[in-house]
Amino acid sequence: MAYTAPRTRTALRSHRDGRRHPLVATLMALPLAALLLLVFDGWETVATQASSVGVMLGR
């Protein structure tokens, strides 16, 4: 029989423990949103693109 290493707390961590706080996720997404505003030249275009991506992902 093969030796298996004992499981650690990190290996058994639940999905809930692995979630990122919404504020942290927002702070991570803000630079990308600013870049999109700059590249696509305005809020309306960025909103249209985000909506299209949401439809493609089925949301």
N, C-alpha and C. Protein backbone atom coordinates (compact mmCIF):
# COMPACT_ATOMS: atom_id res chain seq x y z
N MET A 1 0.85 -1.17 0.00
CA MET A 1 0.00 0.00 0.00
C MET A 1 0.90 1.24 0.00
N ALA A 2 0.52 2.23 -0.76
CA ALA A 2 1.31 3.45 -0.88
C ALA A 2 1.11 4.34 0.34
N TYR A 3 2.18 5.05 0.70
CA TYR A 3 2.11 5.98 1.81
C TYR A 3 1.45 7.27 1.33
N THR A 4 0.48 7.76 2.05
CA THR A 4 -0.15 9.04 1.73
C THR A 4 0.09 10.00 2.87
N ALA A 5 0.38 11.22 2.52
CA ALA A 5 0.65 12.24 3.54
C ALA A 5 -0.64 12.58 4.27
N PRO A 6 -0.54 12.88 5.56
CA PRO A 6 -1.75 13.28 6.30
C PRO A 6 -2.31 14.58 5.75
N ARG A 7 -3.60 14.69 5.82
CA ARG A 7 -4.26 15.90 5.32
C ARG A 7 -4.09 17.04 6.31
N THR A 8 -3.90 18.22 5.75
CA THR A 8 -3.74 19.40 6.60
C THR A 8 -5.01 20.22 6.59
N ARG A 9 -5.06 21.20 7.45
CA ARG A 9 -6.24 22.09 7.52
C ARG A 9 -6.47 22.79 6.19
N THR A 10 -5.41 23.21 5.50
CA THR A 10 -5.58 23.93 4.23
C THR A 10 -6.17 23.01 3.18
N ALA A 11 -5.83 21.74 3.22
CA ALA A 11 -6.38 20.81 2.24
C ALA A 11 -7.86 20.56 2.50
N LEU A 12 -8.27 20.69 3.74
CA LEU A 12 -9.66 20.42 4.09
C LEU A 12 -10.51 21.69 4.20
N ARG A 13 -9.94 22.80 3.85
CA ARG A 13 -10.64 24.08 4.01
C ARG A 13 -11.91 24.09 3.16
N SER A 14 -12.98 24.59 3.73
CA SER A 14 -14.25 24.62 3.02
C SER A 14 -14.24 25.70 1.94
N HIS A 15 -15.17 25.62 1.03
CA HIS A 15 -15.28 26.60 -0.06
C HIS A 15 -15.54 28.00 0.51
N ARG A 16 -16.30 28.08 1.57
CA ARG A 16 -16.61 29.37 2.17
C ARG A 16 -15.36 30.08 2.69
N ASP A 17 -14.43 29.34 3.25
CA ASP A 17 -13.19 29.93 3.76
C ASP A 17 -12.35 30.50 2.63
N GLY A 18 -12.48 29.98 1.41
CA GLY A 18 -11.67 30.41 0.29
C GLY A 18 -12.21 31.63 -0.42
N ARG A 19 -13.34 32.13 -0.02
CA ARG A 19 -13.94 33.28 -0.71
C ARG A 19 -13.24 34.57 -0.33
N ARG A 20 -13.18 35.46 -1.29
CA ARG A 20 -12.55 36.77 -1.08
C ARG A 20 -13.63 37.75 -0.62
N HIS A 21 -13.26 38.64 0.26
CA HIS A 21 -14.19 39.66 0.74
C HIS A 21 -14.63 40.53 -0.43
N PRO A 22 -15.91 40.89 -0.52
CA PRO A 22 -16.39 41.70 -1.66
C PRO A 22 -15.64 43.01 -1.84
N LEU A 23 -15.23 43.64 -0.74
CA LEU A 23 -14.49 44.89 -0.85
C LEU A 23 -13.12 44.66 -1.50
N VAL A 24 -12.47 43.57 -1.13
CA VAL A 24 -11.17 43.24 -1.72
C VAL A 24 -11.34 42.94 -3.21
N ALA A 25 -12.36 42.20 -3.55
CA ALA A 25 -12.61 41.89 -4.96
C ALA A 25 -12.89 43.17 -5.75
N THR A 26 -13.62 44.09 -5.15
CA THR A 26 -13.91 45.37 -5.81
C THR A 26 -12.64 46.17 -6.03
N LEU A 27 -11.80 46.23 -5.00
CA LEU A 27 -10.54 46.96 -5.11
C LEU A 27 -9.62 46.34 -6.16
N MET A 28 -9.70 45.04 -6.35
CA MET A 28 -8.89 44.38 -7.37
C MET A 28 -9.43 44.68 -8.77
N ALA A 29 -10.75 44.85 -8.90
CA ALA A 29 -11.36 45.07 -10.20
C ALA A 29 -11.31 46.53 -10.66
N LEU A 30 -11.16 47.45 -9.72
CA LEU A 30 -11.17 48.88 -10.08
C LEU A 30 -10.09 49.29 -11.08
N PRO A 31 -8.84 48.83 -10.94
CA PRO A 31 -7.84 49.22 -11.95
C PRO A 31 -8.21 48.75 -13.36
N LEU A 32 -8.76 47.55 -13.47
CA LEU A 32 -9.19 47.05 -14.78
C LEU A 32 -10.34 47.89 -15.32
N ALA A 33 -11.27 48.25 -14.46
CA ALA A 33 -12.38 49.09 -14.90
C ALA A 33 -11.88 50.44 -15.39
N ALA A 34 -10.92 51.02 -14.69
CA ALA A 34 -10.36 52.31 -15.11
C ALA A 34 -9.65 52.17 -16.45
N LEU A 35 -8.93 51.08 -16.63
CA LEU A 35 -8.25 50.84 -17.90
C LEU A 35 -9.26 50.69 -19.03
N LEU A 36 -10.34 49.98 -18.78
CA LEU A 36 -11.37 49.82 -19.81
C LEU A 36 -12.01 51.16 -20.16
N LEU A 37 -12.24 51.99 -19.15
CA LEU A 37 -12.78 53.33 -19.42
C LEU A 37 -11.85 54.12 -20.32
N LEU A 38 -10.57 54.03 -20.06
CA LEU A 38 -9.58 54.76 -20.85
C LEU A 38 -9.49 54.21 -22.27
N VAL A 39 -9.40 52.88 -22.40
CA VAL A 39 -9.21 52.25 -23.70
C VAL A 39 -10.46 52.38 -24.58
N PHE A 40 -11.63 52.14 -24.00
CA PHE A 40 -12.86 52.15 -24.80
C PHE A 40 -13.54 53.51 -24.86
N ASP A 41 -12.92 54.51 -24.26
CA ASP A 41 -13.36 55.89 -24.45
C ASP A 41 -14.73 56.22 -23.89
N GLY A 42 -15.01 55.79 -22.68
CA GLY A 42 -16.24 56.24 -22.05
C GLY A 42 -17.02 55.16 -21.34
N TRP A 43 -17.84 55.58 -20.40
CA TRP A 43 -18.62 54.67 -19.56
C TRP A 43 -19.65 53.89 -20.36
N GLU A 44 -20.31 54.51 -21.30
CA GLU A 44 -21.37 53.84 -22.06
C GLU A 44 -20.83 52.64 -22.83
N THR A 45 -19.67 52.82 -23.46
CA THR A 45 -19.07 51.73 -24.21
C THR A 45 -18.64 50.59 -23.28
N VAL A 46 -18.07 50.94 -22.14
CA VAL A 46 -17.66 49.92 -21.17
C VAL A 46 -18.88 49.16 -20.66
N ALA A 47 -19.95 49.86 -20.38
CA ALA A 47 -21.18 49.20 -19.91
C ALA A 47 -21.73 48.27 -20.97
N THR A 48 -21.67 48.67 -22.22
CA THR A 48 -22.15 47.84 -23.32
C THR A 48 -21.29 46.58 -23.43
N GLN A 49 -19.98 46.74 -23.34
CA GLN A 49 -19.07 45.59 -23.42
C GLN A 49 -19.31 44.64 -22.25
N ALA A 50 -19.46 45.19 -21.05
CA ALA A 50 -19.69 44.35 -19.87
C ALA A 50 -21.01 43.59 -20.00
N SER A 51 -22.01 44.24 -20.53
CA SER A 51 -23.30 43.60 -20.74
C SER A 51 -23.17 42.45 -21.75
N SER A 52 -22.42 42.67 -22.81
CA SER A 52 -22.22 41.63 -23.82
C SER A 52 -21.50 40.42 -23.23
N VAL A 53 -20.48 40.68 -22.42
CA VAL A 53 -19.75 39.59 -21.78
C VAL A 53 -20.67 38.84 -20.83
N GLY A 54 -21.50 39.57 -20.09
CA GLY A 54 -22.45 38.93 -19.18
C GLY A 54 -23.42 38.03 -19.92
N VAL A 55 -23.89 38.47 -21.07
CA VAL A 55 -24.81 37.65 -21.88
C VAL A 55 -24.08 36.40 -22.38
N MET A 56 -22.82 36.56 -22.82
CA MET A 56 -22.06 35.39 -23.29
C MET A 56 -21.85 34.37 -22.17
N LEU A 57 -21.66 34.85 -20.95
CA LEU A 57 -21.45 33.95 -19.81
C LEU A 57 -22.77 33.40 -19.27
N GLY A 58 -23.88 33.88 -19.79
CA GLY A 58 -25.18 33.37 -19.37
C GLY A 58 -25.69 33.95 -18.08
N ARG A 59 -25.32 35.19 -17.78
CA ARG A 59 -25.78 35.82 -16.54
C ARG A 59 -26.82 36.86 -16.83
